[in-house]
């Protein structure tokens, strides 16, 4: 294990190719390499999220996810190899159900905003979606196990839910709730509520 990374600058990629886990070499813009890169970026962005103040249970979950994403990237690196277990997908399903059960139902679409940790979670969510698209694109030309695709799909959903959790945790004092998109419908409801409130406060003697 200690000798795996004994040399970092190998210069073997100077010709625009990179080595896969099975010893083969492919161009650095190969679909498989692009999928691996998106998963690596996702894992790195989760590392940024872990640098923020987080509830202990969310932190523990994200650390586990980082290890599982490393397995996912390793599977993509070795064509025909299975490394990510179905149990990892089931773990995300359970985490998603547990955290979502504690949240109120959404009244409207929400913006990727609020606390810094929630905003970073939304960035992670969008990268997870891009990684999922990359895996789907790769699967159109090569045989890919279903677990990586399922995992990334569940993870993007979970990151959306965790963003809502982190806004409510409000550990930096800048959140507290979802940040709703001001749609025309929502704006109309708010205007009607404001009008009703103003009418209720108007003295009866002023009515014409």
Protein backbone atom coordinates (compact mmCIF):
# COMPACT_ATOMS: atom_id res chain seq x y z
CA UNK A 1 0.00 0.00 0.00
CA UNK A 2 2.80 2.43 0.91
CA UNK A 3 4.43 2.06 -2.50
CA UNK A 4 1.36 2.83 -4.59
CA UNK A 5 2.16 6.55 -4.84
CA UNK A 6 5.94 6.44 -4.63
CA UNK A 7 6.21 8.65 -7.71
CA UNK A 8 3.71 11.42 -8.51
CA UNK A 9 5.31 13.18 -11.50
CA UNK A 10 5.72 10.26 -13.92
CA UNK A 11 5.65 12.38 -17.10
CA UNK A 12 3.87 9.49 -18.83
CA UNK A 13 0.89 11.76 -19.46
CA UNK A 14 2.86 14.32 -21.45
CA UNK A 15 1.56 12.76 -24.66
CA UNK A 16 -2.06 13.51 -23.70
CA UNK A 17 -2.90 10.02 -22.47
CA UNK A 18 -3.46 8.57 -19.02
CA UNK A 19 -3.31 5.07 -17.57
CA UNK A 20 -6.34 3.14 -16.35
CA UNK A 21 -6.35 0.63 -13.54
CA UNK A 22 -6.04 -2.31 -15.93
CA UNK A 23 -2.81 -0.95 -17.40
CA UNK A 24 -4.34 0.35 -20.63
CA UNK A 25 -3.86 3.95 -21.75
CA UNK A 26 -6.54 6.24 -23.15
CA UNK A 27 -6.70 9.90 -24.20
CA UNK A 28 -7.24 12.29 -21.31
CA UNK A 29 -10.52 13.45 -22.86
CA UNK A 30 -11.85 9.88 -23.03
CA UNK A 31 -15.42 9.52 -21.73
CA UNK A 32 -14.22 7.25 -18.94
CA UNK A 33 -11.62 9.79 -17.82
CA UNK A 34 -14.21 12.58 -17.93
CA UNK A 35 -16.51 10.55 -15.66
CA UNK A 36 -13.62 9.82 -13.30
CA UNK A 37 -12.76 13.52 -13.23
CA UNK A 38 -16.31 14.56 -12.39
CA UNK A 39 -16.42 12.06 -9.51
CA UNK A 40 -13.04 13.35 -8.29
CA UNK A 41 -14.32 16.94 -8.45
CA UNK A 42 -17.44 15.94 -6.51
CA UNK A 43 -15.35 14.29 -3.81
CA UNK A 44 -13.12 17.36 -3.60
CA UNK A 45 -16.12 19.68 -3.27
CA UNK A 46 -17.51 17.52 -0.49
CA UNK A 47 -14.12 18.03 1.17
CA UNK A 48 -14.77 21.79 0.99
CA UNK A 49 -18.17 21.23 2.60
CA UNK A 50 -16.53 19.22 5.37
CA UNK A 51 -14.38 22.26 6.19
CA UNK A 52 -17.57 24.07 7.29
CA UNK A 53 -19.30 23.80 10.69
CA UNK A 54 -21.69 20.83 10.35
CA UNK A 55 -23.97 18.77 12.58
CA UNK A 56 -22.11 15.64 13.72
CA UNK A 57 -24.44 13.23 11.94
CA UNK A 58 -24.10 15.10 8.64
CA UNK A 59 -20.31 15.18 8.98
CA UNK A 60 -20.13 11.43 9.63
CA UNK A 61 -22.37 10.76 6.64
CA UNK A 62 -20.28 12.93 4.31
CA UNK A 63 -17.03 11.27 5.40
CA UNK A 64 -18.53 7.88 4.55
CA UNK A 65 -19.69 9.25 1.20
CA UNK A 66 -16.15 10.42 0.42
CA UNK A 67 -14.85 6.88 0.87
CA UNK A 68 -17.66 5.45 -1.25
CA UNK A 69 -16.97 7.98 -4.01
CA UNK A 70 -13.33 6.90 -3.97
CA UNK A 71 -14.53 3.33 -4.53
CA UNK A 72 -16.80 4.57 -7.32
CA UNK A 73 -13.90 6.34 -9.01
CA UNK A 74 -11.77 3.23 -8.64
CA UNK A 75 -14.45 1.15 -10.34
CA UNK A 76 -14.59 3.58 -13.24
CA UNK A 77 -10.80 3.43 -13.48
CA UNK A 78 -10.82 -0.36 -13.96
CA UNK A 79 -13.04 -1.46 -16.87
CA UNK A 80 -15.03 -4.58 -16.05
CA UNK A 81 -14.30 -4.33 -12.33
CA UNK A 82 -16.88 -4.03 -9.53
CA UNK A 83 -15.87 -2.08 -6.44
CA UNK A 84 -18.87 0.00 -5.31
CA UNK A 85 -21.24 -2.26 -3.39
CA UNK A 86 -25.03 -2.18 -3.60
CA UNK A 87 -25.01 -1.64 0.17
CA UNK A 88 -23.59 1.83 -0.49
CA UNK A 89 -26.67 2.72 -2.54
CA UNK A 90 -28.96 1.35 0.18
CA UNK A 91 -27.07 3.42 2.75
CA UNK A 92 -27.88 6.58 0.78
CA UNK A 93 -31.52 5.51 0.48
CA UNK A 94 -31.76 5.18 4.25
CA UNK A 95 -29.99 8.49 4.91
CA UNK A 96 -32.27 10.21 2.42
CA UNK A 97 -35.39 8.81 4.08
CA UNK A 98 -34.19 9.69 7.60
CA UNK A 99 -33.24 13.30 6.86
CA UNK A 100 -36.19 13.99 4.58
CA UNK A 101 -38.65 12.75 7.21
CA UNK A 102 -37.57 15.55 9.55
CA UNK A 103 -38.17 18.32 6.99
CA UNK A 104 -41.41 20.16 6.18
CA UNK A 105 -42.92 19.70 2.75
CA UNK A 106 -41.74 22.20 0.16
CA UNK A 107 -44.17 25.01 -0.64
CA UNK A 108 -42.28 26.10 -3.76
CA UNK A 109 -39.00 25.61 -5.62
CA UNK A 110 -36.03 26.74 -3.57
CA UNK A 111 -32.86 28.61 -4.50
CA UNK A 112 -29.35 27.26 -3.85
CA UNK A 113 -28.78 29.75 -1.05
CA UNK A 114 -28.88 30.32 2.69
CA UNK A 115 -25.99 29.32 4.91
CA UNK A 116 -22.57 28.83 3.38
CA UNK A 117 -22.69 25.09 4.10
CA UNK A 118 -26.11 24.77 2.43
CA UNK A 119 -24.88 26.67 -0.64
CA UNK A 120 -21.83 24.39 -0.90
CA UNK A 121 -24.09 21.35 -0.57
CA UNK A 122 -26.03 22.64 -3.58
CA UNK A 123 -22.78 22.98 -5.54
CA UNK A 124 -22.01 19.36 -4.62
CA UNK A 125 -25.50 18.41 -5.82
CA UNK A 126 -24.96 19.95 -9.25
CA UNK A 127 -21.57 18.26 -9.63
CA UNK A 128 -23.17 14.95 -8.68
CA UNK A 129 -25.70 15.45 -11.47
CA UNK A 130 -22.89 16.19 -13.93
CA UNK A 131 -21.00 13.09 -12.81
CA UNK A 132 -24.18 11.05 -13.26
CA UNK A 133 -24.59 12.40 -16.80
CA UNK A 134 -20.97 11.51 -17.55
CA UNK A 135 -21.50 7.94 -16.35
CA UNK A 136 -24.69 7.63 -18.41
CA UNK A 137 -22.83 8.90 -21.49
CA UNK A 138 -20.02 6.41 -20.88
CA UNK A 139 -22.52 3.56 -20.42
CA UNK A 140 -23.87 4.26 -23.92
CA UNK A 141 -20.56 3.11 -25.42
CA UNK A 142 -19.09 0.76 -22.79
CA UNK A 143 -20.41 -1.74 -20.29
CA UNK A 144 -20.77 -0.07 -16.90
CA UNK A 145 -22.20 -1.54 -13.71
CA UNK A 146 -25.46 0.01 -12.56
CA UNK A 147 -24.29 0.80 -9.01
CA UNK A 148 -22.26 3.94 -9.93
CA UNK A 149 -25.20 5.45 -11.79
CA UNK A 150 -27.66 4.61 -9.04
CA UNK A 151 -25.29 5.93 -6.37
CA UNK A 152 -24.79 9.30 -8.05
CA UNK A 153 -28.51 9.68 -8.65
CA UNK A 154 -29.31 9.02 -4.98
CA UNK A 155 -26.43 11.22 -3.84
CA UNK A 156 -27.65 14.26 -5.75
CA UNK A 157 -31.08 13.86 -4.12
CA UNK A 158 -29.48 13.46 -0.70
CA UNK A 159 -27.34 16.57 -1.14
CA UNK A 160 -30.48 18.57 -1.94
CA UNK A 161 -32.05 17.34 1.29
CA UNK A 162 -28.86 17.99 3.27
CA UNK A 163 -28.79 21.57 1.99
CA UNK A 164 -32.23 22.03 3.56
CA UNK A 165 -31.01 20.37 6.76
CA UNK A 166 -27.99 22.67 6.91
CA UNK A 167 -30.09 25.79 6.42
CA UNK A 168 -32.17 24.78 9.41
CA UNK A 169 -29.11 23.89 11.48
CA UNK A 170 -28.09 27.52 10.85
CA UNK A 171 -24.61 27.10 12.32
CA UNK A 172 -23.38 30.37 10.79
CA UNK A 173 -26.50 32.40 11.64
CA UNK A 174 -27.35 33.14 8.00
CA UNK A 175 -30.02 30.54 7.38
CA UNK A 176 -32.92 29.12 9.32
CA UNK A 177 -35.19 28.09 6.47
CA UNK A 178 -35.38 27.37 2.76
CA UNK A 179 -34.80 30.28 0.38
CA UNK A 180 -37.81 30.18 -1.89
CA UNK A 181 -37.85 31.09 -5.57
CA UNK A 182 -40.06 34.16 -6.03
CA UNK A 183 -42.32 32.76 -8.70
CA UNK A 184 -45.25 34.77 -10.03
CA UNK A 185 -47.62 32.54 -8.10
CA UNK A 186 -45.75 32.97 -4.83
CA UNK A 187 -45.44 36.73 -5.39
CA UNK A 188 -49.20 36.93 -5.99
CA UNK A 189 -49.94 35.03 -2.79
CA UNK A 190 -47.63 37.30 -0.82
CA UNK A 191 -49.25 40.41 -2.32
CA UNK A 192 -52.70 39.10 -1.42
CA UNK A 193 -51.55 38.33 2.11
CA UNK A 194 -50.11 41.83 2.47
CA UNK A 195 -53.35 43.38 1.19
CA UNK A 196 -55.43 41.27 3.55
CA UNK A 197 -53.20 42.34 6.41
CA UNK A 198 -53.52 46.01 5.49
CA UNK A 199 -57.31 45.74 5.19
CA UNK A 200 -57.51 44.10 8.59
CA UNK A 201 -55.58 46.95 10.18
CA UNK A 202 -57.61 49.78 8.53
CA UNK A 203 -59.96 51.53 11.03
CA UNK A 204 -63.63 50.80 10.38
CA UNK A 205 -64.48 54.51 10.30
CA UNK A 206 -62.33 55.02 7.23
CA UNK A 207 -64.40 52.68 5.11
CA UNK A 208 -66.21 54.52 2.33
